[in-house]
Protein backbone atom coordinates (compact mmCIF):
# COMPACT_ATOMS: atom_id res chain seq x y z
CA UNK A 1 23.73 -26.66 -14.72
CA UNK A 2 26.02 -26.38 -11.70
CA UNK A 3 25.97 -23.87 -8.91
CA UNK A 4 26.05 -20.26 -10.02
CA UNK A 5 28.90 -18.01 -8.92
CA UNK A 6 27.54 -15.45 -6.45
CA UNK A 7 28.99 -11.95 -6.19
CA UNK A 8 28.27 -9.17 -3.74
CA UNK A 9 26.46 -6.08 -4.95
CA UNK A 10 28.65 -3.90 -7.21
CA UNK A 11 31.51 -6.42 -7.12
CA UNK A 12 30.81 -8.48 -10.24
CA UNK A 13 33.78 -8.95 -12.57
CA UNK A 14 33.98 -7.35 -16.00
CA UNK A 15 32.16 -9.14 -18.78
CA UNK A 16 28.86 -9.70 -16.92
CA UNK A 17 25.70 -7.60 -17.12
CA UNK A 18 22.06 -7.68 -16.02
CA UNK A 19 19.23 -7.67 -18.56
CA UNK A 20 18.79 -3.93 -18.13
CA UNK A 21 22.48 -3.28 -18.61
CA UNK A 22 22.48 -5.45 -21.73
CA UNK A 23 19.47 -3.59 -23.09
CA UNK A 24 21.18 -0.23 -22.49
CA UNK A 25 24.01 -1.51 -24.69
CA UNK A 26 21.58 -2.64 -27.42
CA UNK A 27 21.97 -6.32 -26.51
CA UNK A 28 19.79 -9.19 -25.24
CA UNK A 29 20.70 -12.46 -23.51
CA UNK A 30 19.91 -14.37 -26.69
CA UNK A 31 18.97 -17.69 -25.10
CA UNK A 32 22.05 -18.08 -22.93
CA UNK A 33 21.72 -19.44 -19.42
CA UNK A 34 22.23 -17.23 -16.38
CA UNK A 35 25.99 -17.06 -15.84
CA UNK A 36 26.14 -15.65 -12.30
CA UNK A 37 24.13 -13.75 -9.75
CA UNK A 38 24.53 -10.68 -7.59
CA UNK A 39 23.26 -10.53 -4.05
CA UNK A 40 22.58 -7.38 -2.11
CA UNK A 41 22.11 -8.09 1.59
CA UNK A 42 19.11 -6.61 3.39
CA UNK A 43 18.17 -6.42 7.05
CA UNK A 44 15.50 -8.78 8.29
CA UNK A 45 14.81 -10.19 4.82
CA UNK A 46 16.51 -12.31 2.21
CA UNK A 47 18.98 -10.67 -0.15
CA UNK A 48 18.00 -8.92 -3.35
CA UNK A 49 19.13 -11.05 -6.27
CA UNK A 50 20.06 -9.94 -9.79
CA UNK A 51 20.96 -12.42 -12.51
CA UNK A 52 23.99 -11.79 -14.70
CA UNK A 53 24.61 -12.78 -18.32
CA UNK A 54 27.87 -12.89 -20.24
CA UNK A 55 28.27 -9.85 -22.49
CA UNK A 56 30.38 -11.74 -25.05
CA UNK A 57 27.56 -14.29 -25.58
CA UNK A 58 24.80 -11.65 -25.85
CA UNK A 59 23.14 -10.94 -29.18
CA UNK A 60 21.95 -7.65 -30.67
CA UNK A 61 18.37 -6.58 -29.96
CA UNK A 62 16.06 -7.49 -32.81
CA UNK A 63 14.86 -4.43 -34.73
CA UNK A 64 11.20 -3.44 -34.62
CA UNK A 65 9.35 -4.48 -37.78
CA UNK A 66 6.40 -2.54 -39.21
CA UNK A 67 4.06 -5.25 -37.92
CA UNK A 68 5.44 -4.97 -34.38
CA UNK A 69 5.14 -1.16 -34.50
CA UNK A 70 1.50 -1.54 -35.61
CA UNK A 71 0.75 -4.05 -32.84
CA UNK A 72 2.32 -1.75 -30.24
CA UNK A 73 0.30 1.23 -31.52
CA UNK A 74 -2.92 -0.84 -31.38
CA UNK A 75 -2.19 -1.99 -27.82
CA UNK A 76 -1.51 1.57 -26.67
CA UNK A 77 -4.68 2.81 -28.38
CA UNK A 78 -6.68 0.12 -26.57
CA UNK A 79 -5.28 1.32 -23.24
CA UNK A 80 -6.45 4.87 -24.03
CA UNK A 81 -9.95 3.96 -25.26
CA UNK A 82 -12.71 4.18 -22.68
CA UNK A 83 -14.81 0.98 -22.63
CA UNK A 84 -17.93 2.92 -21.66
CA UNK A 85 -18.01 5.86 -24.09
CA UNK A 86 -15.55 4.44 -26.67
CA UNK A 87 -13.62 7.71 -26.92
CA UNK A 88 -9.86 8.14 -26.95
CA UNK A 89 -9.17 9.64 -23.52
CA UNK A 90 -5.77 11.00 -24.60
CA UNK A 91 -4.11 9.22 -21.66
CA UNK A 92 -3.82 5.67 -20.38
CA UNK A 93 -7.00 4.90 -18.48
CA UNK A 94 -6.23 4.01 -14.84
CA UNK A 95 -7.01 0.39 -14.00
CA UNK A 96 -8.49 1.52 -10.68
CA UNK A 97 -11.17 3.50 -12.53
CA UNK A 98 -11.70 1.22 -15.51
CA UNK A 99 -13.16 4.13 -17.51
CA UNK A 100 -12.11 7.66 -18.43
CA UNK A 101 -12.40 10.29 -15.71
CA UNK A 102 -15.56 11.96 -17.15
CA UNK A 103 -17.33 8.57 -17.21
CA UNK A 104 -16.09 7.60 -13.75
CA UNK A 105 -17.03 10.95 -12.17
CA UNK A 106 -19.84 12.45 -14.29
CA UNK A 107 -20.72 16.08 -13.71
CA UNK A 108 -24.46 16.33 -13.01
CA UNK A 109 -24.63 19.63 -14.96
CA UNK A 110 -23.28 18.03 -18.17
CA UNK A 111 -25.55 16.14 -20.56
CA UNK A 112 -25.01 12.35 -20.50
CA UNK A 113 -22.30 11.01 -22.82
CA UNK A 114 -23.46 8.85 -25.69
CA UNK A 115 -22.62 5.20 -25.31
């Protein structure tokens, strides 16, 4: 692959899009190589870089299958389940705590939670 064309921020020609822009249009790169890049200059640091893909070579996003929906639901349930008390916290457990809030900060007046 040769050198990529480099464009300044917001000055890319029509027909190119970032991954996020493709996704907003219901598309994905679909295995194509990066076609160009955007650079946004910054002070005292290197430029911010965004890779561009050709819209005409992009493919539609694959639809979610029932198996993928089930796997996503299981992954989200695992993020909500407290490893200490094994209850569904009803929210994603913060990684900084590692457990649900009642397990991380027990109230001395409450009876201990069953493990």
